Amino acid sequence: MTSTSNFVEPLSNSARWFVELLTGSLGMSVAVLAIAAVGLAMLHGRLSVRASARVALGCFILFGAPAIAHGVAGLASSANVTSAQVYNGLAPLPLVAPQAPQPDRDPYAGASVPM
């Protein structure tokens, strides 16, 4: 081991811990509270729509950072990185076509209207 690897490993571990802290349950709860506070301030007329959009955009960027980083890295390295590979290799759900309605089915047959 060299002195450089001894110096870099604690920094990378602390950076990884900080990222997990921000994108984990604590970061999610802080984002939910921020959105709730922004909504309440907008209801009272104390906050403009532009300032509230900044908070929402910040939350989207914070929680979408892994997908954004993989997208930029995919563009830079010309590798085909899909969104399914971003989140732990989970494959996307298959698309299922909706069933066509039956021609003789009445959607209001079981409805009751109080008189």
PDB file of N, CA and C in Angstrom:
ATOM      1  N   MET A   1       0.837  -1.181   0.000  1.00  0.00           N
ATOM      2  CA  MET A   1       0.000   0.000   0.000  1.00  0.00           C
ATOM      3  C   MET A   1       0.874   1.233   0.000  1.00  0.00           C
ATOM      4  N   THR A   2       0.446   2.177  -0.792  1.00  0.00           N
ATOM      5  CA  THR A   2       1.169   3.432  -0.828  1.00  0.00           C
ATOM      6  C   THR A   2       0.464   4.458   0.033  1.00  0.00           C
ATOM      7  N   SER A   3       1.122   5.560   0.267  1.00  0.00           N
ATOM      8  CA  SER A   3       0.526   6.594   1.099  1.00  0.00           C
ATOM      9  C   SER A   3      -0.655   7.252   0.405  1.00  0.00           C
ATOM     10  N   THR A   4      -0.674   7.240  -0.933  1.00  0.00           N
ATOM     11  CA  THR A   4      -1.791   7.830  -1.668  1.00  0.00           C
ATOM     12  C   THR A   4      -3.061   7.023  -1.468  1.00  0.00           C
ATOM     13  N   SER A   5      -2.975   5.693  -1.530  1.00  0.00           N
ATOM     14  CA  SER A   5      -4.174   4.873  -1.337  1.00  0.00           C
ATOM     15  C   SER A   5      -4.660   4.960   0.097  1.00  0.00           C
ATOM     16  N   ASN A   6      -3.762   5.147   1.054  1.00  0.00           N
ATOM     17  CA  ASN A   6      -4.192   5.320   2.442  1.00  0.00           C
ATOM     18  C   ASN A   6      -4.921   6.646   2.632  1.00  0.00           C
ATOM     19  N   PHE A   7      -4.579   7.621   1.819  1.00  0.00           N
ATOM     20  CA  PHE A   7      -5.209   8.929   1.929  1.00  0.00           C
ATOM     21  C   PHE A   7      -6.541   8.977   1.185  1.00  0.00           C
ATOM     22  N   VAL A   8      -6.648   8.285   0.062  1.00  0.00           N
ATOM     23  CA  VAL A   8      -7.838   8.354  -0.779  1.00  0.00           C
ATOM     24  C   VAL A   8      -8.964   7.499  -0.229  1.00  0.00           C
ATOM     25  N   GLU A   9      -8.655   6.368   0.361  1.00  0.00           N
ATOM     26  CA  GLU A   9      -9.700   5.455   0.820  1.00  0.00           C
ATOM     27  C   GLU A   9     -10.620   6.083   1.870  1.00  0.00           C
ATOM     28  N   PRO A  10     -10.126   6.753   2.910  1.00  0.00           N
ATOM     29  CA  PRO A  10     -11.051   7.377   3.859  1.00  0.00           C
ATOM     30  C   PRO A  10     -11.885   8.489   3.227  1.00  0.00           C
ATOM     31  N   LEU A  11     -11.298   9.216   2.268  1.00  0.00           N
ATOM     32  CA  LEU A  11     -12.065  10.261   1.601  1.00  0.00           C
ATOM     33  C   LEU A  11     -13.184   9.673   0.752  1.00  0.00           C
ATOM     34  N   SER A  12     -12.911   8.601   0.043  1.00  0.00           N
ATOM     35  CA  SER A  12     -13.962   7.983  -0.776  1.00  0.00           C
ATOM     36  C   SER A  12     -15.031   7.346   0.100  1.00  0.00           C
ATOM     37  N   ASN A  13     -14.613   6.771   1.224  1.00  0.00           N
ATOM     38  CA  ASN A  13     -15.605   6.201   2.145  1.00  0.00           C
ATOM     39  C   ASN A  13     -16.495   7.279   2.746  1.00  0.00           C
ATOM     40  N   SER A  14     -15.911   8.415   3.111  1.00  0.00           N
ATOM     41  CA  SER A  14     -16.723   9.490   3.683  1.00  0.00           C
ATOM     42  C   SER A  14     -17.628  10.110   2.632  1.00  0.00           C
ATOM     43  N   ALA A  15     -17.144  10.220   1.389  1.00  0.00           N
ATOM     44  CA  ALA A  15     -17.987  10.747   0.317  1.00  0.00           C
ATOM     45  C   ALA A  15     -19.147   9.796   0.037  1.00  0.00           C
ATOM     46  N   ARG A  16     -18.883   8.501   0.038  1.00  0.00           N
ATOM     47  CA  ARG A  16     -19.933   7.503  -0.174  1.00  0.00           C
ATOM     48  C   ARG A  16     -20.966   7.567   0.950  1.00  0.00           C
ATOM     49  N   TRP A  17     -20.495   7.730   2.196  1.00  0.00           N
ATOM     50  CA  TRP A  17     -21.414   7.842   3.334  1.00  0.00           C
ATOM     51  C   TRP A  17     -22.298   9.081   3.191  1.00  0.00           C
ATOM     52  N   PHE A  18     -21.703  10.198   2.761  1.00  0.00           N
ATOM     53  CA  PHE A  18     -22.460  11.438   2.618  1.00  0.00           C
ATOM     54  C   PHE A  18     -23.502  11.322   1.513  1.00  0.00           C
ATOM     55  N   VAL A  19     -23.155  10.674   0.408  1.00  0.00           N
ATOM     56  CA  VAL A  19     -24.112  10.481  -0.677  1.00  0.00           C
ATOM     57  C   VAL A  19     -25.257   9.585  -0.227  1.00  0.00           C
ATOM     58  N   GLU A  20     -24.946   8.507   0.488  1.00  0.00           N
ATOM     59  CA  GLU A  20     -25.995   7.624   0.990  1.00  0.00           C
ATOM     60  C   GLU A  20     -26.875   8.339   2.011  1.00  0.00           C
ATOM     61  N   LEU A  21     -26.291   9.238   2.790  1.00  0.00           N
ATOM     62  CA  LEU A  21     -27.060  10.018   3.751  1.00  0.00           C
ATOM     63  C   LEU A  21     -28.036  10.949   3.043  1.00  0.00           C
ATOM     64  N   LEU A  22     -27.572  11.622   1.978  1.00  0.00           N
ATOM     65  CA  LEU A  22     -28.430  12.559   1.258  1.00  0.00           C
ATOM     66  C   LEU A  22     -29.517  11.869   0.449  1.00  0.00           C
ATOM     67  N   THR A  23     -29.211  10.720  -0.135  1.00  0.00           N
ATOM     68  CA  THR A  23     -30.194  10.043  -0.973  1.00  0.00           C
ATOM     69  C   THR A  23     -30.958   8.962  -0.230  1.00  0.00           C
ATOM     70  N   GLY A  24     -30.676   8.766   1.028  1.00  0.00           N
ATOM     71  CA  GLY A  24     -31.365   7.750   1.814  1.00  0.00           C
ATOM     72  C   GLY A  24     -32.636   8.285   2.455  1.00  0.00           C
ATOM     73  N   SER A  25     -33.017   7.658   3.540  1.00  0.00           N
ATOM     74  CA  SER A  25     -34.271   8.022   4.201  1.00  0.00           C
ATOM     75  C   SER A  25     -34.203   9.401   4.845  1.00  0.00           C
ATOM     76  N   LEU A  26     -33.042   9.799   5.342  1.00  0.00           N
ATOM     77  CA  LEU A  26     -32.925  11.131   5.934  1.00  0.00           C
ATOM     78  C   LEU A  26     -33.084  12.213   4.867  1.00  0.00           C
ATOM     79  N   GLY A  27     -32.436  12.046   3.747  1.00  0.00           N
ATOM     80  CA  GLY A  27     -32.575  13.007   2.658  1.00  0.00           C
ATOM     81  C   GLY A  27     -33.986  13.062   2.116  1.00  0.00           C
ATOM     82  N   MET A  28     -34.626  11.905   2.032  1.00  0.00           N
ATOM     83  CA  MET A  28     -36.002  11.861   1.546  1.00  0.00           C
ATOM     84  C   MET A  28     -36.940  12.583   2.504  1.00  0.00           C
ATOM     85  N   SER A  29     -36.748  12.385   3.802  1.00  0.00           N
ATOM     86  CA  SER A  29     -37.628  13.050   4.765  1.00  0.00           C
ATOM     87  C   SER A  29     -37.393  14.559   4.777  1.00  0.00           C
ATOM     88  N   VAL A  30     -36.152  14.996   4.620  1.00  0.00           N
ATOM     89  CA  VAL A  30     -35.873  16.433   4.549  1.00  0.00           C
ATOM     90  C   VAL A  30     -36.499  17.026   3.285  1.00  0.00           C
ATOM     91  N   ALA A  31     -36.449  16.308   2.174  1.00  0.00           N
ATOM     92  CA  ALA A  31     -37.049  16.797   0.937  1.00  0.00           C
ATOM     93  C   ALA A  31     -38.567  16.889   1.069  1.00  0.00           C
ATOM     94  N   VAL A  32     -39.174  15.910   1.711  1.00  0.00           N
ATOM     95  CA  VAL A  32     -40.629  15.954   1.908  1.00  0.00           C
ATOM     96  C   VAL A  32     -41.011  17.137   2.787  1.00  0.00           C
ATOM     97  N   LEU A  33     -40.250  17.376   3.853  1.00  0.00           N
ATOM     98  CA  LEU A  33     -40.529  18.525   4.712  1.00  0.00           C
ATOM     99  C   LEU A  33     -40.314  19.838   3.967  1.00  0.00           C
ATOM    100  N   ALA A  34     -39.308  19.903   3.107  1.00  0.00           N
ATOM    101  CA  ALA A  34     -39.056  21.122   2.326  1.00  0.00           C
ATOM    102  C   ALA A  34     -40.196  21.394   1.362  1.00  0.00           C
ATOM    103  N   ILE A  35     -40.670  20.365   0.683  1.00  0.00           N
ATOM    104  CA  ILE A  35     -41.792  20.538  -0.239  1.00  0.00           C
ATOM    105  C   ILE A  35     -43.052  20.939   0.522  1.00  0.00           C
ATOM    106  N   ALA A  36     -43.276  20.354   1.699  1.00  0.00           N
ATOM    107  CA  ALA A  36     -44.437  20.727   2.498  1.00  0.00           C
ATOM    108  C   ALA A  36     -44.340  22.181   2.963  1.00  0.00           C
ATOM    109  N   ALA A  37     -43.167  22.608   3.388  1.00  0.00           N
ATOM    110  CA  ALA A  37     -42.985  23.999   3.828  1.00  0.00           C
ATOM    111  C   ALA A  37     -43.165  24.968   2.665  1.00  0.00           C
ATOM    112  N   VAL A  38     -42.678  24.598   1.490  1.00  0.00           N
ATOM    113  CA  VAL A  38     -42.846  25.445   0.314  1.00  0.00           C
ATOM    114  C   VAL A  38     -44.326  25.550  -0.059  1.00  0.00           C
ATOM    115  N   GLY A  39     -45.028  24.441  -0.007  1.00  0.00           N
ATOM    116  CA  GLY A  39     -46.459  24.464  -0.306  1.00  0.00           C
ATOM    117  C   GLY A  39     -47.239  25.319   0.674  1.00  0.00           C
ATOM    118  N   LEU A  40     -46.891  25.218   1.952  1.00  0.00           N
ATOM    119  CA  LEU A  40     -47.563  26.033   2.962  1.00  0.00           C
ATOM    120  C   LEU A  40     -47.253  27.511   2.764  1.00  0.00           C
ATOM    121  N   ALA A  41     -46.008  27.829   2.442  1.00  0.00           N
ATOM    122  CA  ALA A  41     -45.644  29.229   2.198  1.00  0.00           C
ATOM    123  C   ALA A  41     -46.334  29.770   0.948  1.00  0.00           C
ATOM    124  N   MET A  42     -46.514  28.923  -0.059  1.00  0.00           N
ATOM    125  CA  MET A  42     -47.233  29.367  -1.251  1.00  0.00           C
ATOM    126  C   MET A  42     -48.705  29.589  -0.956  1.00  0.00           C
ATOM    127  N   LEU A  43     -49.294  28.747  -0.109  1.00  0.00           N
ATOM    128  CA  LEU A  43     -50.697  28.932   0.253  1.00  0.00           C
ATOM    129  C   LEU A  43     -50.924  30.241   0.999  1.00  0.00           C
ATOM    130  N   HIS A  44     -49.955  30.640   1.794  1.00  0.00           N
ATOM    131  CA  HIS A  44     -50.064  31.888   2.542  1.00  0.00           C
ATOM    132  C   HIS A  44     -49.634  33.095   1.715  1.00  0.00           C
ATOM    133  N   GLY A  45     -49.124  32.890   0.513  1.00  0.00           N
ATOM    134  CA  GLY A  45     -48.718  33.981  -0.353  1.00  0.00           C
ATOM    135  C   GLY A  45     -47.372  34.569  -0.006  1.00  0.00           C
ATOM    136  N   ARG A  46     -46.547  33.833   0.705  1.00  0.00           N
ATOM    137  CA  ARG A  46     -45.239  34.338   1.116  1.00  0.00           C
ATOM    138  C   ARG A  46     -44.112  33.906   0.194  1.00  0.00           C
ATOM    139  N   LEU A  47     -44.403  33.054  -0.774  1.00  0.00           N
ATOM    140  CA  LEU A  47     -43.356  32.513  -1.636  1.00  0.00           C
ATOM    141  C   LEU A  47     -43.850  32.517  -3.076  1.00  0.00           C
ATOM    142  N   SER A  48     -42.971  32.915  -3.981  1.00  0.00           N
ATOM    143  CA  SER A  48     -43.354  32.950  -5.389  1.00  0.00           C
ATOM    144  C   SER A  48     -43.244  31.556  -6.005  1.00  0.00           C
ATOM    145  N   VAL A  49     -43.846  31.428  -7.152  1.00  0.00           N
ATOM    146  CA  VAL A  49     -43.813  30.147  -7.860  1.00  0.00           C
ATOM    147  C   VAL A  49     -42.391  29.844  -8.319  1.00  0.00           C
ATOM    148  N   ARG A  50     -41.642  30.861  -8.708  1.00  0.00           N
ATOM    149  CA  ARG A  50     -40.272  30.658  -9.175  1.00  0.00           C
ATOM    150  C   ARG A  50     -39.387  30.093  -8.064  1.00  0.00           C
ATOM    151  N   ALA A  51     -39.524  30.628  -6.847  1.00  0.00           N
ATOM    152  CA  ALA A  51     -38.715  30.130  -5.732  1.00  0.00           C
ATOM    153  C   ALA A  51     -39.122  28.708  -5.353  1.00  0.00           C
ATOM    154  N   SER A  52     -40.403  28.411  -5.433  1.00  0.00           N
ATOM    155  CA  SER A  52     -40.836  27.053  -5.112  1.00  0.00           C
ATOM    156  C   SER A  52     -40.400  26.065  -6.182  1.00  0.00           C
ATOM    157  N   ALA A  53     -40.337  26.514  -7.422  1.00  0.00           N
ATOM    158  CA  ALA A  53     -39.855  25.634  -8.493  1.00  0.00           C
ATOM    159  C   ALA A  53     -38.383  25.303  -8.301  1.00  0.00           C
ATOM    160  N   ARG A  54     -37.620  26.235  -7.747  1.00  0.00           N
ATOM    161  CA  ARG A  54     -36.207  25.959  -7.464  1.00  0.00           C
ATOM    162  C   ARG A  54     -36.057  24.841  -6.444  1.00  0.00           C
ATOM    163  N   VAL A  55     -36.908  24.844  -5.418  1.00  0.00           N
ATOM    164  CA  VAL A  55     -36.839  23.788  -4.403  1.00  0.00           C
ATOM    165  C   VAL A  55     -37.203  22.441  -5.015  1.00  0.00           C
ATOM    166  N   ALA A  56     -38.258  22.414  -5.808  1.00  0.00           N
ATOM    167  CA  ALA A  56     -38.663  21.156  -6.451  1.00  0.00           C
ATOM    168  C   ALA A  56     -37.596  20.669  -7.423  1.00  0.00           C
ATOM    169  N   LEU A  57     -37.002  21.575  -8.191  1.00  0.00           N
ATOM    170  CA  LEU A  57     -35.943  21.192  -9.119  1.00  0.00           C
ATOM    171  C   LEU A  57     -34.722  20.665  -8.375  1.00  0.00           C
ATOM    172  N   GLY A  58     -34.410  21.268  -7.232  1.00  0.00           N
ATOM    173  CA  GLY A  58     -33.299  20.775  -6.413  1.00  0.00           C
ATOM    174  C   GLY A  58     -33.536  19.366  -5.914  1.00  0.00           C
ATOM    175  N   CYS A  59     -34.770  19.069  -5.520  1.00  0.00           N
ATOM    176  CA  CYS A  59     -35.096  17.706  -5.078  1.00  0.00           C
ATOM    177  C   CYS A  59     -34.984  16.716  -6.234  1.00  0.00           C
ATOM    178  N   PHE A  60     -35.468  17.112  -7.414  1.00  0.00           N
ATOM    179  CA  PHE A  60     -35.358  16.233  -8.575  1.00  0.00           C
ATOM    180  C   PHE A  60     -33.895  15.971  -8.924  1.00  0.00           C
ATOM    181  N   ILE A  61     -33.074  16.991  -8.870  1.00  0.00           N
ATOM    182  CA  ILE A  61     -31.657  16.815  -9.194  1.00  0.00           C
ATOM    183  C   ILE A  61     -30.967  15.950  -8.146  1.00  0.00           C
ATOM    184  N   LEU A  62     -31.299  16.155  -6.876  1.00  0.00           N
ATOM    185  CA  LEU A  62     -30.670  15.387  -5.804  1.00  0.00           C
ATOM    186  C   LEU A  62     -30.978  13.907  -5.931  1.00  0.00           C
ATOM    187  N   PHE A  63     -32.252  13.569  -6.124  1.00  0.00           N
ATOM    188  CA  PHE A  63     -32.614  12.164  -6.183  1.00  0.00           C
ATOM    189  C   PHE A  63     -32.432  11.553  -7.569  1.00  0.00           C
ATOM    190  N   GLY A  64     -32.301  12.388  -8.586  1.00  0.00           N
ATOM    191  CA  GLY A  64     -32.038  11.881  -9.924  1.00  0.00           C
ATOM    192  C   GLY A  64     -30.575  11.900 -10.291  1.00  0.00           C
ATOM    193  N   ALA A  65     -29.714  12.247  -9.344  1.00  0.00           N
ATOM    194  CA  ALA A  65     -28.284  12.361  -9.621  1.00  0.00           C
ATOM    195  C   ALA A  65     -27.659  11.066 -10.149  1.00  0.00           C
ATOM    196  N   PRO A  66     -28.014   9.884  -9.625  1.00  0.00           N
ATOM    197  CA  PRO A  66     -27.409   8.667 -10.197  1.00  0.00           C
ATOM    198  C   PRO A  66     -27.766   8.475 -11.663  1.00  0.00           C
ATOM    199  N   ALA A  67     -29.008   8.723 -12.021  1.00  0.00           N
ATOM    200  CA  ALA A  67     -29.409   8.561 -13.418  1.00  0.00           C
ATOM    201  C   ALA A  67     -28.749   9.616 -14.297  1.00  0.00           C
ATOM    202  N   ILE A  68     -28.642  10.841 -13.786  1.00  0.00           N
ATOM    203  CA  ILE A  68     -27.995  11.906 -14.553  1.00  0.00           C
ATOM    204  C   ILE A  68     -26.520  11.589 -14.761  1.00  0.00           C
ATOM    205  N   ALA A  69     -25.850  11.126 -13.714  1.00  0.00           N
ATOM    206  CA  ALA A  69     -24.424  10.810 -13.821  1.00  0.00           C
ATOM    207  C   ALA A  69     -24.176   9.656 -14.784  1.00  0.00           C
ATOM    208  N   HIS A  70     -25.011   8.628 -14.721  1.00  0.00           N
ATOM    209  CA  HIS A  70     -24.834   7.508 -15.647  1.00  0.00           C
ATOM    210  C   HIS A  70     -25.147   7.922 -17.077  1.00  0.00           C
ATOM    211  N   GLY A  71     -26.099   8.825 -17.251  1.00  0.00           N
ATOM    212  CA  GLY A  71     -26.397   9.313 -18.590  1.00  0.00           C
ATOM    213  C   GLY A  71     -25.259  10.108 -19.168  1.00  0.00           C
ATOM    214  N   VAL A  72     -24.663  10.975 -18.354  1.00  0.00           N
ATOM    215  CA  VAL A  72     -23.518  11.761 -18.829  1.00  0.00           C
ATOM    216  C   VAL A  72     -22.324  10.856 -19.082  1.00  0.00           C
ATOM    217  N   ALA A  73     -22.093   9.890 -18.212  1.00  0.00           N
ATOM    218  CA  ALA A  73     -20.988   8.960 -18.416  1.00  0.00           C
ATOM    219  C   ALA A  73     -21.215   8.107 -19.652  1.00  0.00           C
ATOM    220  N   GLY A  74     -22.461   7.760 -19.927  1.00  0.00           N
ATOM    221  CA  GLY A  74     -22.765   6.984 -21.121  1.00  0.00           C
ATOM    222  C   GLY A  74     -22.531   7.783 -22.385  1.00  0.00           C
ATOM    223  N   LEU A  75     -22.832   9.082 -22.339  1.00  0.00           N
ATOM    224  CA  LEU A  75     -22.566   9.922 -23.500  1.00  0.00           C
ATOM    225  C   LEU A  75     -21.069  10.096 -23.720  1.00  0.00           C
ATOM    226  N   ALA A  76     -20.334  10.214 -22.628  1.00  0.00           N
ATOM    227  CA  ALA A  76     -18.902  10.452 -22.740  1.00  0.00           C
ATOM    228  C   ALA A  76     -18.152   9.212 -23.224  1.00  0.00           C
ATOM    229  N   SER A  77     -18.573   8.056 -22.754  1.00  0.00           N
ATOM    230  CA  SER A  77     -17.845   6.839 -23.112  1.00  0.00           C
ATOM    231  C   SER A  77     -18.500   6.073 -24.248  1.00  0.00           C
ATOM    232  N   SER A  78     -19.587   6.611 -24.794  1.00  0.00           N
ATOM    233  CA  SER A  78     -20.368   5.999 -25.872  1.00  0.00           C
ATOM    234  C   SER A  78     -20.815   4.582 -25.521  1.00  0.00           C
ATOM    235  N   ALA A  79     -20.957   4.294 -24.226  1.00  0.00           N
ATOM    236  CA  ALA A  79     -21.503   3.007 -23.792  1.00  0.00           C
ATOM    237  C   ALA A  79     -23.016   3.138 -23.722  1.00  0.00           C
ATOM    238  N   ASN A  80     -23.705   2.083 -23.998  1.00  0.00           N
ATOM    239  CA  ASN A  80     -25.162   2.103 -23.978  1.00  0.00           C
ATOM    240  C   ASN A  80     -25.644   1.791 -22.564  1.00  0.00           C
ATOM    241  N   VAL A  81     -25.831   2.815 -21.750  1.00  0.00           N
ATOM    242  CA  VAL A  81     -26.294   2.651 -20.378  1.00  0.00           C
ATOM    243  C   VAL A  81     -27.773   2.973 -20.349  1.00  0.00           C
ATOM    244  N   THR A  82     -28.580   1.993 -19.976  1.00  0.00           N
ATOM    245  CA  THR A  82     -30.021   2.220 -19.905  1.00  0.00           C
ATOM    246  C   THR A  82     -30.415   2.571 -18.483  1.00  0.00           C
ATOM    247  N   SER A  83     -31.627   3.077 -18.339  1.00  0.00           N
ATOM    248  CA  SER A  83     -32.101   3.432 -17.011  1.00  0.00           C
ATOM    249  C   SER A  83     -32.299   2.185 -16.144  1.00  0.00           C
ATOM    250  N   ALA A  84     -32.484   1.027 -16.761  1.00  0.00           N
ATOM    251  CA  ALA A  84     -32.625  -0.197 -15.982  1.00  0.00           C
ATOM    252  C   ALA A  84     -31.305  -0.581 -15.328  1.00  0.00           C
ATOM    253  N   GLN A  85     -30.182  -0.252 -15.953  1.00  0.00           N
ATOM    254  CA  GLN A  85     -28.885  -0.569 -15.381  1.00  0.00           C
ATOM    255  C   GLN A  85     -28.501   0.402 -14.284  1.00  0.00           C
ATOM    256  N   VAL A  86     -29.127   1.565 -14.246  1.00  0.00           N
ATOM    257  CA  VAL A  86     -28.773   2.574 -13.259  1.00  0.00           C
ATOM    258  C   VAL A  86     -29.160   2.121 -11.867  1.00  0.00           C
ATOM    259  N   TYR A  87     -30.347   1.586 -11.720  1.00  0.00           N
ATOM    260  CA  TYR A  87     -30.856   1.213 -10.403  1.00  0.00           C
ATOM    261  C   TYR A  87     -30.657  -0.279 -10.156  1.00  0.00           C
ATOM    262  N   ASN A  88     -29.448  -0.635  -9.814  1.00  0.00           N
ATOM    263  CA  ASN A  88     -29.068  -1.982  -9.372  1.00  0.00           C
ATOM    264  C   ASN A  88     -29.417  -3.075 -10.370  1.00  0.00           C
ATOM    265  N   GLY A  89     -29.407  -2.775 -11.625  1.00  0.00           N
ATOM    266  CA  GLY A  89     -29.628  -3.798 -12.633  1.00  0.00           C
ATOM    267  C   GLY A  89     -31.052  -4.284 -12.721  1.00  0.00           C
ATOM    268  N   LEU A  90     -32.015  -3.543 -12.221  1.00  0.00           N
ATOM    269  CA  LEU A  90     -33.403  -3.963 -12.298  1.00  0.00           C
ATOM    270  C   LEU A  90     -33.922  -3.728 -13.710  1.00  0.00           C
ATOM    271  N   ALA A  91     -34.582  -4.712 -14.258  1.00  0.00           N
ATOM    272  CA  ALA A  91     -35.135  -4.591 -15.600  1.00  0.00           C
ATOM    273  C   ALA A  91     -36.463  -3.838 -15.531  1.00  0.00           C
ATOM    274  N   PRO A  92     -36.800  -3.097 -16.577  1.00  0.00           N
ATOM    275  CA  PRO A  92     -38.082  -2.394 -16.565  1.00  0.00           C
ATOM    276  C   PRO A  92     -39.245  -3.374 -16.659  1.00  0.00           C
ATOM    277  N   LEU A  93     -40.385  -2.956 -16.158  1.00  0.00           N
ATOM    278  CA  LEU A  93     -41.576  -3.790 -16.221  1.00  0.00           C
ATOM    279  C   LEU A  93     -42.063  -3.886 -17.661  1.00  0.00           C
ATOM    280  N   PRO A  94     -42.556  -5.049 -18.064  1.00  0.00           N
ATOM    281  CA  PRO A  94     -43.048  -5.175 -19.440  1.00  0.00           C
ATOM    282  C   PRO A  94     -44.348  -4.391 -19.613  1.00  0.00           C
ATOM    283  N   LEU A  95     -44.532  -3.844 -20.804  1.00  0.00           N
ATOM    284  CA  LEU A  95     -45.751  -3.113 -21.099  1.00  0.00           C
ATOM    285  C   LEU A  95     -46.857  -4.102 -21.423  1.00  0.00           C
ATOM    286  N   VAL A  96     -48.010  -3.892 -20.809  1.00  0.00           N
ATOM    287  CA  VAL A  96     -49.155  -4.761 -21.029  1.00  0.00           C
ATOM    288  C   VAL A  96     -50.250  -3.918 -21.664  1.00  0.00           C
ATOM    289  N   ALA A  97     -50.766  -4.378 -22.796  1.00  0.00           N
ATOM    290  CA  ALA A  97     -51.830  -3.647 -23.476  1.00  0.00           C
ATOM    291  C   ALA A  97     -53.127  -3.785 -22.688  1.00  0.00           C
ATOM    292  N   PRO A  98     -53.904  -2.714 -22.562  1.00  0.00           N
ATOM    293  CA  PRO A  98     -55.177  -2.816 -21.843  1.00  0.00           C
ATOM    294  C   PRO A  98     -56.160  -3.666 -22.623  1.00  0.00           C
ATOM    295  N   GLN A  99     -57.041  -4.322 -21.893  1.00  0.00           N
ATOM    296  CA  GLN A  99     -58.028  -5.177 -22.528  1.00  0.00           C
ATOM    297  C   GLN A  99     -59.137  -4.317 -23.113  1.00  0.00           C
ATOM    298  N   ALA A 100     -59.626  -4.741 -24.249  1.00  0.00           N
ATOM    299  CA  ALA A 100     -60.729  -4.025 -24.888  1.00  0.00           C
ATOM    300  C   ALA A 100     -62.013  -4.269 -24.100  1.00  0.00           C
ATOM    301  N   PRO A 101     -62.852  -3.243 -23.952  1.00  0.00           N
ATOM    302  CA  PRO A 101     -64.103  -3.446 -23.209  1.00  0.00           C
ATOM    303  C   PRO A 101     -65.047  -4.363 -23.977  1.00  0.00           C
ATOM    304  N   GLN A 102     -65.846  -5.100 -23.227  1.00  0.00           N
ATOM    305  CA  GLN A 102     -66.816  -6.000 -23.839  1.00  0.00           C
ATOM    306  C   GLN A 102     -67.984  -5.170 -24.369  1.00  0.00           C
ATOM    307  N   PRO A 103     -68.490  -5.502 -25.544  1.00  0.00           N
ATOM    308  CA  PRO A 103     -69.527  -4.652 -26.143  1.00  0.00           C
ATOM    309  C   PRO A 103     -70.850  -4.650 -25.379  1.00  0.00           C
ATOM    310  N   ASP A 104     -71.186  -5.727 -24.688  1.00  0.00           N
ATOM    311  CA  ASP A 104     -72.490  -5.784 -24.013  1.00  0.00           C
ATOM    312  C   ASP A 104     -72.398  -5.430 -22.524  1.00  0.00           C
ATOM    313  N   ARG A 105     -71.283  -4.937 -22.070  1.00  0.00           N
ATOM    314  CA  ARG A 105     -71.105  -4.623 -20.643  1.00  0.00           C
ATOM    315  C   ARG A 105     -71.605  -3.207 -20.371  1.00  0.00           C
ATOM    316  N   ASP A 106     -72.449  -3.059 -19.336  1.00  0.00           N
ATOM    317  CA  ASP A 106     -72.961  -1.763 -18.926  1.00  0.00           C
ATOM    318  C   ASP A 106     -72.186  -1.319 -17.693  1.00  0.00           C
ATOM    319  N   PRO A 107     -71.416  -0.220 -17.756  1.00  0.00           N
ATOM    320  CA  PRO A 107     -70.621   0.188 -16.605  1.00  0.00           C
ATOM    321  C   PRO A 107     -71.465   0.719 -15.450  1.00  0.00           C
ATOM    322  N   TYR A 108     -72.718   1.090 -15.719  1.00  0.00           N
ATOM    323  CA  TYR A 108     -73.576   1.655 -14.674  1.00  0.00           C
ATOM    324  C   TYR A 108     -74.611   0.664 -14.155  1.00  0.00           C
ATOM    325  N   ALA A 109     -74.460  -0.603 -14.472  1.00  0.00           N
ATOM    326  CA  ALA A 109     -75.479  -1.602 -14.098  1.00  0.00           C
ATOM    327  C   ALA A 109     -75.566  -1.768 -12.575  1.00  0.00           C
ATOM    328  N   GLY A 110     -74.480  -1.688 -11.854  1.00  0.00           N
ATOM    329  CA  GLY A 110     -74.517  -1.919 -10.413  1.00  0.00           C
ATOM    330  C   GLY A 110     -74.611  -0.637  -9.607  1.00  0.00           C
ATOM    331  N   ALA A 111     -74.672   0.510 -10.260  1.00  0.00           N
ATOM    332  CA  ALA A 111     -74.702   1.774  -9.543  1.00  0.00           C
ATOM    333  C   ALA A 111     -76.076   2.042  -8.962  1.00  0.00           C
ATOM    334  N   SER A 112     -76.103   2.631  -7.803  1.00  0.00           N
ATOM    335  CA  SER A 112     -77.374   3.009  -7.198  1.00  0.00           C
ATOM    336  C   SER A 112     -77.371   4.511  -6.957  1.00  0.00           C
ATOM    337  N   VAL A 113     -78.477   5.142  -7.195  1.00  0.00           N
ATOM    338  CA  VAL A 113     -78.594   6.575  -7.043  1.00  0.00           C
ATOM    339  C   VAL A 113     -79.607   6.842  -5.927  1.00  0.00           C
ATOM    340  N   PRO A 114     -79.200   7.586  -4.886  1.00  0.00           N
ATOM    341  CA  PRO A 114     -80.172   7.879  -3.820  1.00  0.00           C
ATOM    342  C   PRO A 114     -81.247   8.842  -4.335  1.00  0.00           C
ATOM    343  N   MET A 115     -82.439   8.602  -3.891  1.00  0.00           N
ATOM    344  CA  MET A 115     -83.565   9.441  -4.328  1.00  0.00           C
ATOM    345  C   MET A 115     -84.022  10.335  -3.205  1.00  0.00           C
TER     346      MET A 115
END
